[in-house]
């Protein structure tokens, strides 16, 4: 599993920004070729760190493979390019944009099924 991760810098009105992002950008990203899902996490607090956390939110865009990511994100069609441009217009608020692989480990002893 491949994911693109964007960390967002704090903004003046974080609730309005997050609401706009979730209502307008997430539905658009979910239309990109190859995207499986997208998570948006608003950071509530920093538990442990040597430096203060500079982020208020991060997103994860999931692809099934590197090939799907390259076909859907790197080699975009015009509609996808427009979505990415709108995303990049928000880039002043993005501190870090990464791509990585995800490995999920679950505790099989728990009965909570929220995954």
Protein backbone atom coordinates (compact mmCIF):
# COMPACT_ATOMS: atom_id res chain seq x y z
CA UNK A 1 0.00 0.00 0.00
CA UNK A 2 1.31 3.43 -0.99
CA UNK A 3 0.20 6.66 0.60
CA UNK A 4 0.83 10.34 0.07
CA UNK A 5 1.00 12.23 3.36
CA UNK A 6 0.61 16.00 3.68
CA UNK A 7 1.23 17.81 6.97
CA UNK A 8 -0.47 21.18 7.33
CA UNK A 9 0.88 24.22 9.17
CA UNK A 10 -1.43 25.99 11.60
CA UNK A 11 -3.80 28.54 10.06
CA UNK A 12 -5.73 31.46 11.51
CA UNK A 13 -9.07 29.62 11.55
CA UNK A 14 -8.20 25.93 11.65
CA UNK A 15 -11.82 24.76 12.01
CA UNK A 16 -12.94 26.61 8.87
CA UNK A 17 -9.89 25.44 6.93
CA UNK A 18 -10.42 21.80 7.97
CA UNK A 19 -14.13 22.01 7.17
CA UNK A 20 -13.39 23.43 3.70
CA UNK A 21 -10.77 20.77 3.09
CA UNK A 22 -13.05 17.93 4.20
CA UNK A 23 -16.13 19.18 2.31
CA UNK A 24 -14.45 20.32 -0.92
CA UNK A 25 -11.05 18.72 -1.36
CA UNK A 26 -11.62 15.20 0.00
CA UNK A 27 -14.51 14.42 -2.41
CA UNK A 28 -12.36 15.63 -5.32
CA UNK A 29 -9.36 13.55 -4.27
CA UNK A 30 -11.54 10.47 -4.01
CA UNK A 31 -12.27 10.82 -7.75
CA UNK A 32 -8.57 10.58 -8.71
CA UNK A 33 -7.67 7.38 -10.56
CA UNK A 34 -6.35 4.68 -8.22
CA UNK A 35 -7.24 6.35 -4.92
CA UNK A 36 -8.58 3.79 -2.42
CA UNK A 37 -9.34 6.11 0.48
CA UNK A 38 -8.28 9.33 2.16
CA UNK A 39 -7.87 10.05 5.86
CA UNK A 40 -7.86 13.51 7.42
CA UNK A 41 -6.53 13.78 10.97
CA UNK A 42 -6.81 16.92 13.07
CA UNK A 43 -4.08 16.85 15.69
CA UNK A 44 -5.45 17.44 19.18
CA UNK A 45 -2.31 17.42 21.28
CA UNK A 46 1.34 16.44 21.28
CA UNK A 47 2.10 13.67 23.76
CA UNK A 48 5.89 13.36 23.64
CA UNK A 49 8.52 15.20 21.62
CA UNK A 50 11.70 17.18 22.01
CA UNK A 51 10.30 19.97 19.78
CA UNK A 52 6.81 21.47 19.59
CA UNK A 53 4.58 19.97 16.92
CA UNK A 54 4.24 22.52 14.10
CA UNK A 55 1.22 20.80 12.48
CA UNK A 56 -2.51 21.06 13.10
CA UNK A 57 -3.69 18.51 10.53
CA UNK A 58 -2.43 15.84 8.17
CA UNK A 59 -3.94 13.83 5.35
CA UNK A 60 -3.20 10.42 3.91
CA UNK A 61 -4.17 9.47 0.35
CA UNK A 62 -4.00 5.70 -0.22
CA UNK A 63 -3.11 3.84 -3.43
CA UNK A 64 -2.94 0.04 -3.81
CA UNK A 65 0.52 0.12 -5.43
CA UNK A 66 3.33 2.38 -6.60
CA UNK A 67 2.15 1.81 -10.17
CA UNK A 68 -1.38 2.99 -9.30
CA UNK A 69 0.09 6.07 -7.60
CA UNK A 70 2.24 6.87 -10.64
CA UNK A 71 -0.69 6.41 -13.02
CA UNK A 72 -3.10 8.43 -10.89
CA UNK A 73 -0.95 11.09 -9.23
CA UNK A 74 2.18 11.48 -11.32
CA UNK A 75 0.76 11.01 -14.85
CA UNK A 76 -2.47 12.94 -14.38
CA UNK A 77 -5.26 13.63 -16.80
CA UNK A 78 -6.50 17.26 -17.08
CA UNK A 79 -9.26 16.76 -14.46
CA UNK A 80 -6.75 15.33 -12.01
CA UNK A 81 -4.33 18.18 -12.73
CA UNK A 82 -7.05 20.69 -11.86
CA UNK A 83 -7.67 18.94 -8.53
CA UNK A 84 -3.94 18.90 -7.78
CA UNK A 85 -3.67 22.59 -8.69
CA UNK A 86 -6.41 23.46 -6.22
CA UNK A 87 -4.58 21.38 -3.63
CA UNK A 88 -1.31 23.15 -4.40
CA UNK A 89 -3.06 26.51 -4.02
CA UNK A 90 -3.41 25.45 -0.39
CA UNK A 91 0.27 24.51 -0.36
CA UNK A 92 1.19 27.59 1.63
CA UNK A 93 -0.37 25.70 4.50
CA UNK A 94 1.47 22.45 3.72
CA UNK A 95 4.70 21.99 5.63
CA UNK A 96 5.66 18.51 4.40
CA UNK A 97 4.48 16.31 1.51
CA UNK A 98 5.76 12.70 1.58
CA UNK A 99 5.15 9.39 -0.15
CA UNK A 100 5.63 6.10 1.67
CA UNK A 101 4.57 2.52 2.12
CA UNK A 102 2.16 1.51 4.85
CA UNK A 103 2.39 -1.63 6.94
CA UNK A 104 -0.56 -2.27 9.28
CA UNK A 105 -0.37 -4.42 12.39
CA UNK A 106 -3.47 -5.25 14.40
CA UNK A 107 -4.04 -6.59 17.89
CA UNK A 108 -6.16 -9.67 17.24
CA UNK A 109 -7.09 -9.84 20.92
CA UNK A 110 -9.28 -6.74 20.77
CA UNK A 111 -12.88 -6.95 19.67
CA UNK A 112 -13.13 -3.35 18.45
CA UNK A 113 -13.83 -3.41 14.74
CA UNK A 114 -13.41 0.19 13.61
CA UNK A 115 -10.76 -0.35 10.93
